[in-house]
C-alpha atoms as a PDB file:
ATOM      1  CA  MET A   1      70.232  73.818 -23.066  1.00  0.00           C
ATOM      2  CA  PRO A   2      69.444  73.683 -19.363  1.00  0.00           C
ATOM      3  CA  LYS A   3      66.594  71.203 -18.352  1.00  0.00           C
ATOM      4  CA  LEU A   4      63.375  72.426 -16.943  1.00  0.00           C
ATOM      5  CA  SER A   5      62.440  71.146 -13.545  1.00  0.00           C
ATOM      6  CA  LEU A   6      58.817  71.402 -12.411  1.00  0.00           C
ATOM      7  CA  PRO A   7      58.219  71.979  -8.779  1.00  0.00           C
ATOM      8  CA  GLU A   8      56.952  68.879  -6.889  1.00  0.00           C
ATOM      9  CA  ASP A   9      53.305  68.873  -5.846  1.00  0.00           C
ATOM     10  CA  THR A  10      53.391  68.687  -2.117  1.00  0.00           C
ATOM     11  CA  ALA A  11      49.797  69.537  -1.407  1.00  0.00           C
ATOM     12  CA  PRO A  12      47.883  66.996   0.565  1.00  0.00           C
ATOM     13  CA  ARG A  13      45.390  64.891  -1.515  1.00  0.00           C
ATOM     14  CA  ALA A  14      41.919  64.281  -0.360  1.00  0.00           C
ATOM     15  CA  GLN A  15      41.033  60.568  -0.092  1.00  0.00           C
ATOM     16  CA  ILE A  16      37.422  59.400  -0.576  1.00  0.00           C
ATOM     17  CA  ARG A  17      36.494  56.044   0.973  1.00  0.00           C
ATOM     18  CA  PHE A  18      33.123  54.335   0.446  1.00  0.00           C
ATOM     19  CA  ARG A  19      31.649  52.485   3.447  1.00  0.00           C
ATOM     20  CA  ASN A  20      29.575  49.407   2.897  1.00  0.00           C
ATOM     21  CA  ALA A  21      26.062  50.145   4.366  1.00  0.00           C
ATOM     22  CA  GLY A  22      25.193  46.474   4.626  1.00  0.00           C
ATOM     23  CA  GLY A  23      23.334  46.090   1.351  1.00  0.00           C
ATOM     24  CA  GLY A  24      26.316  44.722  -0.634  1.00  0.00           C
ATOM     25  CA  HIS A  25      27.938  41.392  -0.952  1.00  0.00           C
ATOM     26  CA  GLY A  26      30.500  41.959   1.647  1.00  0.00           C
ATOM     27  CA  GLY A  27      28.459  41.866   4.808  1.00  0.00           C
ATOM     28  CA  GLY A  28      25.107  42.249   6.456  1.00  0.00           C
ATOM     29  CA  GLY A  29      23.968  38.590   5.751  1.00  0.00           C
ATOM     30  CA  ALA A  30      21.743  38.309   8.836  1.00  0.00           C
ATOM     31  CA  TRP A  31      18.568  38.342   6.530  1.00  0.00           C
ATOM     32  CA  LYS A  32      19.887  35.122   4.878  1.00  0.00           C
ATOM     33  CA  VAL A  33      19.904  33.322   8.162  1.00  0.00           C
ATOM     34  CA  ALA A  34      16.482  34.488   9.093  1.00  0.00           C
ATOM     35  CA  TYR A  35      15.146  33.452   5.657  1.00  0.00           C
ATOM     36  CA  ALA A  36      16.652  29.975   5.923  1.00  0.00           C
ATOM     37  CA  ASP A  37      15.097  29.534   9.407  1.00  0.00           C
ATOM     38  CA  PHE A  38      11.714  30.672   7.917  1.00  0.00           C
ATOM     39  CA  VAL A  39      11.981  28.092   5.065  1.00  0.00           C
ATOM     40  CA  THR A  40      12.986  25.246   7.425  1.00  0.00           C
ATOM     41  CA  ALA A  41      10.052  26.035   9.715  1.00  0.00           C
ATOM     42  CA  LEU A  42       7.677  26.033   6.730  1.00  0.00           C
ATOM     43  CA  MET A  43       8.991  22.808   5.566  1.00  0.00           C
ATOM     44  CA  ALA A  44       8.538  21.179   8.959  1.00  0.00           C
ATOM     45  CA  MET A  45       5.027  22.469   9.044  1.00  0.00           C
ATOM     46  CA  PHE A  46       4.283  20.849   5.672  1.00  0.00           C
ATOM     47  CA  ILE A  47       5.726  17.573   6.930  1.00  0.00           C
ATOM     48  CA  VAL A  48       3.663  17.519   9.991  1.00  0.00           C
ATOM     49  CA  LEU A  49       0.402  18.168   7.992  1.00  0.00           C
ATOM     50  CA  TRP A  50       1.342  15.439   5.595  1.00  0.00           C
ATOM     51  CA  LEU A  51       1.996  12.963   8.459  1.00  0.00           C
ATOM     52  CA  MET A  52      -1.364  13.877  10.026  1.00  0.00           C
ATOM     53  CA  ASN A  53      -3.083  12.877   6.793  1.00  0.00           C
ATOM     54  CA  SER A  54      -0.945   9.828   5.986  1.00  0.00           C
ATOM     55  CA  SER A  55      -2.071   6.236   6.199  1.00  0.00           C
ATOM     56  CA  THR A  56      -1.385   4.039   9.174  1.00  0.00           C
ATOM     57  CA  LYS A  57       1.258   2.100   7.233  1.00  0.00           C
ATOM     58  CA  VAL A  58       3.196   5.345   6.568  1.00  0.00           C
ATOM     59  CA  LYS A  59       3.048   6.339  10.242  1.00  0.00           C
ATOM     60  CA  SER A  60       4.170   2.993  11.358  1.00  0.00           C
ATOM     61  CA  SER A  61       7.150   2.972   8.996  1.00  0.00           C
ATOM     62  CA  ILE A  62       8.317   6.420   9.986  1.00  0.00           C
ATOM     63  CA  SER A  63       8.004   5.793  13.689  1.00  0.00           C
ATOM     64  CA  GLY A  64       9.732   2.375  13.342  1.00  0.00           C
ATOM     65  CA  TYR A  65      12.606   4.011  11.485  1.00  0.00           C
ATOM     66  CA  PHE A  66      13.154   6.647  14.175  1.00  0.00           C
ATOM     67  CA  ARG A  67      13.048   4.073  17.037  1.00  0.00           C
ATOM     68  CA  ASP A  68      15.661   1.854  15.356  1.00  0.00           C
ATOM     69  CA  PRO A  69      17.001   3.137  12.019  1.00  0.00           C
ATOM     70  CA  ARG A  70      19.422   0.207  11.351  1.00  0.00           C
ATOM     71  CA  GLY A  71      17.075  -2.608  12.453  1.00  0.00           C
ATOM     72  CA  PHE A  72      14.102  -1.118  10.782  1.00  0.00           C
ATOM     73  CA  THR A  73      15.882  -0.827   7.476  1.00  0.00           C
ATOM     74  CA  HIS A  74      16.949  -4.474   7.478  1.00  0.00           C
ATOM     75  CA  THR A  75      13.444  -5.543   8.575  1.00  0.00           C
ATOM     76  CA  LEU A  76      11.349  -3.402   6.307  1.00  0.00           C
ATOM     77  CA  GLY A  77      13.607  -3.264   3.264  1.00  0.00           C
ATOM     78  CA  ALA A  78      14.335  -0.321   1.043  1.00  0.00           C
ATOM     79  CA  GLY A  79      13.458  -1.597  -2.288  1.00  0.00           C
ATOM     80  CA  PRO A  80      10.971  -0.327  -4.751  1.00  0.00           C
ATOM     81  CA  GLY A  81       7.171  -1.002  -4.486  1.00  0.00           C
ATOM     82  CA  SER A  82       6.048  -4.511  -5.284  1.00  0.00           C
ATOM     83  CA  ALA A  83       9.508  -5.659  -4.715  1.00  0.00           C
ATOM     84  CA  GLY A  84       8.619  -8.078  -1.926  1.00  0.00           C
ATOM     85  CA  GLU A  85      10.835  -6.263   0.621  1.00  0.00           C
ATOM     86  CA  GLY A  86       8.087  -5.082   2.915  1.00  0.00           C
ATOM     87  CA  LEU A  87       7.394  -6.172   6.449  1.00  0.00           C
ATOM     88  CA  VAL A  88       6.955  -9.889   6.851  1.00  0.00           C
ATOM     89  CA  VAL A  89       3.541 -10.844   8.148  1.00  0.00           C
ATOM     90  CA  GLY A  90       4.053 -12.989  11.169  1.00  0.00           C
ATOM     91  CA  ARG A  91       2.065 -13.993  14.231  1.00  0.00           C
ATOM     92  CA  ARG A  92       3.426 -11.076  16.278  1.00  0.00           C
ATOM     93  CA  ASN A  93       2.503  -8.269  13.752  1.00  0.00           C
ATOM     94  CA  VAL A  94      -0.460  -9.773  11.982  1.00  0.00           C
ATOM     95  CA  ALA A  95      -2.789  -7.303  13.864  1.00  0.00           C
ATOM     96  CA  ASP A  96      -0.928  -4.275  12.620  1.00  0.00           C
ATOM     97  CA  ILE A  97      -0.821  -5.623   9.017  1.00  0.00           C
ATOM     98  CA  ARG A  98      -4.599  -6.273   9.196  1.00  0.00           C
ATOM     99  CA  LYS A  99      -5.138  -2.694  10.315  1.00  0.00           C
ATOM    100  CA  GLN A 100      -3.183  -1.403   7.465  1.00  0.00           C
ATOM    101  CA  LEU A 101      -5.125  -3.417   4.912  1.00  0.00           C
ATOM    102  CA  GLU A 102      -8.422  -2.380   6.508  1.00  0.00           C
ATOM    103  CA  SER A 103      -7.212   1.319   6.347  1.00  0.00           C
ATOM    104  CA  ALA A 104      -6.475   0.977   2.678  1.00  0.00           C
ATOM    105  CA  LEU A 105      -9.823  -0.575   1.957  1.00  0.00           C
ATOM    106  CA  ARG A 106     -11.716   2.110   3.853  1.00  0.00           C
ATOM    107  CA  ALA A 107     -10.136   4.797   1.509  1.00  0.00           C
ATOM    108  CA  MET A 108     -12.234   3.233  -1.337  1.00  0.00           C
ATOM    109  CA  PRO A 109     -15.249   5.500  -2.270  1.00  0.00           C
ATOM    110  CA  GLU A 110     -17.702   2.696  -2.159  1.00  0.00           C
ATOM    111  CA  PHE A 111     -16.330   0.671   0.788  1.00  0.00           C
ATOM    112  CA  ASP A 112     -19.304   1.476   3.046  1.00  0.00           C
ATOM    113  CA  LYS A 113     -21.413  -0.653   0.636  1.00  0.00           C
ATOM    114  CA  LEU A 114     -18.829  -3.514   0.809  1.00  0.00           C
ATOM    115  CA  ARG A 115     -17.562  -3.532   4.470  1.00  0.00           C
ATOM    116  CA  ASP A 116     -20.132  -6.155   5.702  1.00  0.00           C
ATOM    117  CA  ASN A 117     -18.930  -8.478   2.865  1.00  0.00           C
ATOM    118  CA  VAL A 118     -15.223  -8.289   3.666  1.00  0.00           C
ATOM    119  CA  LYS A 119     -14.147 -10.361   6.539  1.00  0.00           C
ATOM    120  CA  PHE A 120     -10.634 -10.573   8.179  1.00  0.00           C
ATOM    121  CA  SER A 121      -9.644 -13.500  10.348  1.00  0.00           C
ATOM    122  CA  VAL A 122      -6.403 -15.019  11.639  1.00  0.00           C
ATOM    123  CA  THR A 123      -6.003 -18.727  11.301  1.00  0.00           C
ATOM    124  CA  GLY A 124      -3.067 -21.064  11.791  1.00  0.00           C
ATOM    125  CA  GLU A 125      -2.129 -20.671   8.100  1.00  0.00           C
ATOM    126  CA  GLY A 126      -2.051 -16.866   8.074  1.00  0.00           C
ATOM    127  CA  LEU A 127      -4.228 -13.822   7.619  1.00  0.00           C
ATOM    128  CA  ARG A 128      -7.392 -14.676   5.778  1.00  0.00           C
ATOM    129  CA  ILE A 129      -9.438 -12.168   3.772  1.00  0.00           C
ATOM    130  CA  ASP A 130     -12.829 -13.362   2.797  1.00  0.00           C
ATOM    131  CA  LEU A 131     -14.803 -11.577  -0.003  1.00  0.00           C
ATOM    132  CA  LEU A 132     -18.384 -12.741   0.678  1.00  0.00           C
ATOM    133  CA  GLU A 133     -21.128 -12.623  -1.955  1.00  0.00           C
ATOM    134  CA  ASN A 134     -24.620 -11.486  -1.761  1.00  0.00           C
ATOM    135  CA  ASP A 135     -27.786 -12.589  -3.658  1.00  0.00           C
ATOM    136  CA  GLN A 136     -27.187  -9.928  -6.274  1.00  0.00           C
ATOM    137  CA  GLY A 137     -23.433 -10.807  -6.806  1.00  0.00           C
ATOM    138  CA  MET A 138     -21.222  -8.380  -4.965  1.00  0.00           C
ATOM    139  CA  PHE A 139     -17.667  -9.293  -6.228  1.00  0.00           C
ATOM    140  CA  PHE A 140     -18.453 -11.648  -9.098  1.00  0.00           C
ATOM    141  CA  VAL A 141     -21.345 -11.866 -11.575  1.00  0.00           C
ATOM    142  CA  THR A 142     -23.803 -14.489 -10.276  1.00  0.00           C
ATOM    143  CA  GLY A 143     -23.008 -17.969 -11.651  1.00  0.00           C
ATOM    144  CA  SER A 144     -19.967 -16.558 -13.526  1.00  0.00           C
ATOM    145  CA  PRO A 145     -16.170 -16.187 -12.934  1.00  0.00           C
ATOM    146  CA  ALA A 146     -16.296 -12.637 -14.329  1.00  0.00           C
ATOM    147  CA  PRO A 147     -15.535 -10.114 -11.627  1.00  0.00           C
ATOM    148  CA  THR A 148     -17.863  -7.045 -11.022  1.00  0.00           C
ATOM    149  CA  ALA A 149     -16.520  -3.443 -10.983  1.00  0.00           C
ATOM    150  CA  SER A 150     -16.515  -3.552  -7.194  1.00  0.00           C
ATOM    151  CA  GLY A 151     -14.670  -6.821  -7.243  1.00  0.00           C
ATOM    152  CA  GLN A 152     -12.072  -5.354  -9.474  1.00  0.00           C
ATOM    153  CA  GLU A 153     -11.504  -2.319  -7.477  1.00  0.00           C
ATOM    154  CA  LEU A 154     -11.304  -4.118  -4.143  1.00  0.00           C
ATOM    155  CA  LEU A 155      -8.796  -6.701  -5.518  1.00  0.00           C
ATOM    156  CA  SER A 156      -6.756  -3.874  -7.018  1.00  0.00           C
ATOM    157  CA  VAL A 157      -6.396  -2.174  -3.630  1.00  0.00           C
ATOM    158  CA  LEU A 158      -5.506  -5.465  -1.896  1.00  0.00           C
ATOM    159  CA  ALA A 159      -2.915  -6.246  -4.702  1.00  0.00           C
ATOM    160  CA  ARG A 160      -1.201  -2.897  -4.243  1.00  0.00           C
ATOM    161  CA  GLU A 161      -0.892  -3.506  -0.418  1.00  0.00           C
ATOM    162  CA  ILE A 162      -0.014  -7.273  -0.296  1.00  0.00           C
ATOM    163  CA  GLY A 163       2.214  -7.031  -3.310  1.00  0.00           C
ATOM    164  CA  THR A 164       4.829  -5.207  -1.129  1.00  0.00           C
ATOM    165  CA  LEU A 165       4.899  -8.192   1.375  1.00  0.00           C
ATOM    166  CA  PRO A 166       7.336 -11.015   1.042  1.00  0.00           C
ATOM    167  CA  ASN A 167       4.698 -13.523   2.193  1.00  0.00           C
ATOM    168  CA  SER A 168       3.296 -16.153  -0.060  1.00  0.00           C
ATOM    169  CA  LEU A 169      -0.353 -16.155  -0.967  1.00  0.00           C
ATOM    170  CA  VAL A 170      -3.141 -18.711  -1.368  1.00  0.00           C
ATOM    171  CA  ILE A 171      -6.246 -17.992  -3.311  1.00  0.00           C
ATOM    172  CA  GLU A 172      -9.401 -19.961  -2.662  1.00  0.00           C
ATOM    173  CA  GLY A 173     -12.786 -20.186  -4.491  1.00  0.00           C
ATOM    174  CA  HIS A 174     -15.963 -21.271  -2.652  1.00  0.00           C
ATOM    175  CA  THR A 175     -19.592 -21.716  -3.697  1.00  0.00           C
ATOM    176  CA  ASP A 176     -22.875 -22.454  -2.000  1.00  0.00           C
ATOM    177  CA  ALA A 177     -24.617 -25.906  -2.475  1.00  0.00           C
ATOM    178  CA  SER A 178     -27.066 -24.717  -5.235  1.00  0.00           C
ATOM    179  CA  PRO A 179     -26.169 -26.937  -8.231  1.00  0.00           C
ATOM    180  CA  PHE A 180     -25.869 -25.880 -11.863  1.00  0.00           C
ATOM    181  CA  ARG A 181     -28.559 -27.202 -14.140  1.00  0.00           C
ATOM    182  CA  LYS A 182     -27.549 -30.123 -16.262  1.00  0.00           C
ATOM    183  CA  SER A 183     -24.377 -30.584 -14.355  1.00  0.00           C
ATOM    184  CA  ARG A 184     -23.204 -34.009 -13.211  1.00  0.00           C
ATOM    185  CA  PRO A 185     -20.031 -35.253 -11.527  1.00  0.00           C
ATOM    186  CA  THR A 186     -18.759 -36.475 -14.932  1.00  0.00           C
ATOM    187  CA  GLU A 187     -19.971 -33.730 -17.239  1.00  0.00           C
ATOM    188  CA  GLY A 188     -21.191 -30.096 -17.432  1.00  0.00           C
ATOM    189  CA  TYR A 189     -20.156 -26.880 -15.618  1.00  0.00           C
ATOM    190  CA  SER A 190     -20.498 -27.416 -11.878  1.00  0.00           C
ATOM    191  CA  ASN A 191     -19.593 -25.657  -8.649  1.00  0.00           C
ATOM    192  CA  TRP A 192     -16.154 -27.151  -8.803  1.00  0.00           C
ATOM    193  CA  GLU A 193     -15.324 -25.433 -11.970  1.00  0.00           C
ATOM    194  CA  LEU A 194     -16.928 -22.114 -10.838  1.00  0.00           C
ATOM    195  CA  ALA A 195     -14.954 -22.156  -7.531  1.00  0.00           C
ATOM    196  CA  ALA A 196     -11.589 -22.846  -9.339  1.00  0.00           C
ATOM    197  CA  ASP A 197     -12.417 -20.346 -12.161  1.00  0.00           C
ATOM    198  CA  ARG A 198     -13.274 -17.496  -9.693  1.00  0.00           C
ATOM    199  CA  ALA A 199     -10.042 -18.213  -7.649  1.00  0.00           C
ATOM    200  CA  ASN A 200      -8.015 -18.137 -10.935  1.00  0.00           C
ATOM    201  CA  ALA A 201      -9.715 -14.962 -12.058  1.00  0.00           C
ATOM    202  CA  ALA A 202      -8.852 -13.348  -8.736  1.00  0.00           C
ATOM    203  CA  ARG A 203      -5.309 -14.490  -9.166  1.00  0.00           C
ATOM    204  CA  ARG A 204      -4.995 -12.742 -12.673  1.00  0.00           C
ATOM    205  CA  LEU A 205      -6.469  -9.456 -11.190  1.00  0.00           C
ATOM    206  CA  LEU A 206      -4.086  -9.613  -8.143  1.00  0.00           C
ATOM    207  CA  HIS A 207      -1.172  -9.993 -10.567  1.00  0.00           C
ATOM    208  CA  SER A 208      -2.381  -7.181 -12.836  1.00  0.00           C
ATOM    209  CA  PHE A 209      -2.319  -4.744  -9.858  1.00  0.00           C
ATOM    210  CA  GLY A 210       0.867  -5.547  -8.084  1.00  0.00           C
ATOM    211  CA  VAL A 211       1.146  -9.145  -6.795  1.00  0.00           C
ATOM    212  CA  ARG A 212       4.379 -10.886  -7.970  1.00  0.00           C
ATOM    213  CA  ALA A 213       4.195 -13.880 -10.090  1.00  0.00           C
ATOM    214  CA  GLU A 214       6.039 -16.041  -7.557  1.00  0.00           C
ATOM    215  CA  GLN A 215       4.081 -14.841  -4.651  1.00  0.00           C
ATOM    216  CA  VAL A 216       0.965 -17.001  -5.322  1.00  0.00           C
ATOM    217  CA  VAL A 217       1.836 -20.549  -4.342  1.00  0.00           C
ATOM    218  CA  GLU A 218      -1.666 -22.191  -4.534  1.00  0.00           C
ATOM    219  CA  VAL A 219      -4.974 -21.677  -6.217  1.00  0.00           C
ATOM    220  CA  ARG A 220      -7.802 -23.879  -4.609  1.00  0.00           C
ATOM    221  CA  GLY A 221     -11.224 -24.724  -5.650  1.00  0.00           C
ATOM    222  CA  TYR A 222     -13.475 -26.027  -2.852  1.00  0.00           C
ATOM    223  CA  ALA A 223     -16.886 -25.887  -4.366  1.00  0.00           C
ATOM    224  CA  ASP A 224     -19.378 -26.131  -1.472  1.00  0.00           C
ATOM    225  CA  GLN A 225     -17.219 -28.313   0.783  1.00  0.00           C
ATOM    226  CA  GLN A 226     -16.061 -25.585   3.216  1.00  0.00           C
ATOM    227  CA  PRO A 227     -19.103 -23.295   3.781  1.00  0.00           C
ATOM    228  CA  PHE A 228     -18.850 -19.961   5.537  1.00  0.00           C
ATOM    229  CA  ASN A 229     -22.254 -20.681   7.113  1.00  0.00           C
ATOM    230  CA  GLU A 230     -22.431 -24.335   7.943  1.00  0.00           C
ATOM    231  CA  LYS A 231     -25.962 -24.135   9.203  1.00  0.00           C
ATOM    232  CA  ASN A 232     -27.244 -22.929   5.869  1.00  0.00           C
ATOM    233  CA  ARG A 233     -25.273 -24.352   2.925  1.00  0.00           C
ATOM    234  CA  PHE A 234     -27.412 -22.284   0.539  1.00  0.00           C
ATOM    235  CA  ASP A 235     -26.389 -18.888   2.182  1.00  0.00           C
ATOM    236  CA  ALA A 236     -25.073 -16.500  -0.463  1.00  0.00           C
ATOM    237  CA  ARG A 237     -22.120 -15.767   1.778  1.00  0.00           C
ATOM    238  CA  ASN A 238     -20.802 -19.319   1.130  1.00  0.00           C
ATOM    239  CA  ARG A 239     -20.019 -18.008  -2.357  1.00  0.00           C
ATOM    240  CA  ARG A 240     -16.809 -16.327  -1.747  1.00  0.00           C
ATOM    241  CA  VAL A 241     -13.088 -15.822  -2.786  1.00  0.00           C
ATOM    242  CA  SER A 242     -10.550 -16.022  -0.125  1.00  0.00           C
ATOM    243  CA  VAL A 243      -7.040 -14.580  -0.116  1.00  0.00           C
ATOM    244  CA  VAL A 244      -4.725 -16.008   2.480  1.00  0.00           C
ATOM    245  CA  VAL A 245      -1.406 -14.138   3.381  1.00  0.00           C
ATOM    246  CA  LYS A 246       0.559 -17.137   4.653  1.00  0.00           C
ATOM    247  CA  PHE A 247       2.747 -17.002   7.748  1.00  0.00           C
ATOM    248  CA  PRO A 248       6.441 -17.893   7.048  1.00  0.00           C
ATOM    249  CA  THR A 249       7.234 -21.486   7.634  1.00  0.00           C
ATOM    250  CA  ALA A 250      10.775 -20.856   8.865  1.00  0.00           C
END
């Protein structure tokens, strides 16, 4: 039987091609670049706003890093909070640290009532912070080592700041010259006990809010032997607790 052979289809075929209009995955990604630029600019704006409202300590840290990244990292340390790897308080930068502490205290809601009773001074030993009492008992209950609410709050703020420093601390207790009733050099509760007890109570509070155990190297009780106001030894300001951020010895 002869085989059937079909004629070949030689007619031209129409070819349909689809053109990408720019909305697919293959091209037209200019919008992605524009969006990335917008997000970057938005992030930069938020960072600027954050810096404008940051504390002096944060601003100083950031500016120090950009001035000298390597040196600043070694000086400031990069450890966690309360790790003792912060900026060392020395004679050259004590003014800056003082400003940072004052700035932190000013953020307290009731600091306006306390500002006249908080005194900063620089001595040969280090940066001294004196918490001066008044007649009503500003930081400690009158005649007692129990801290007031204001005393606890102020010491907690100080602890969070100085707990990040590698410097050693000394805590002192002082009283005025008013004696306790029925107290004698050999018996009874006297200004010596009160001064030491208040200093120790301040130490416990500082440890509770961030000061490291090894950071406190001395707790001193002076009674009325080192008055703040030497002309009037009964002045309420002579009753005070002092925190000394010691300069490094080496």
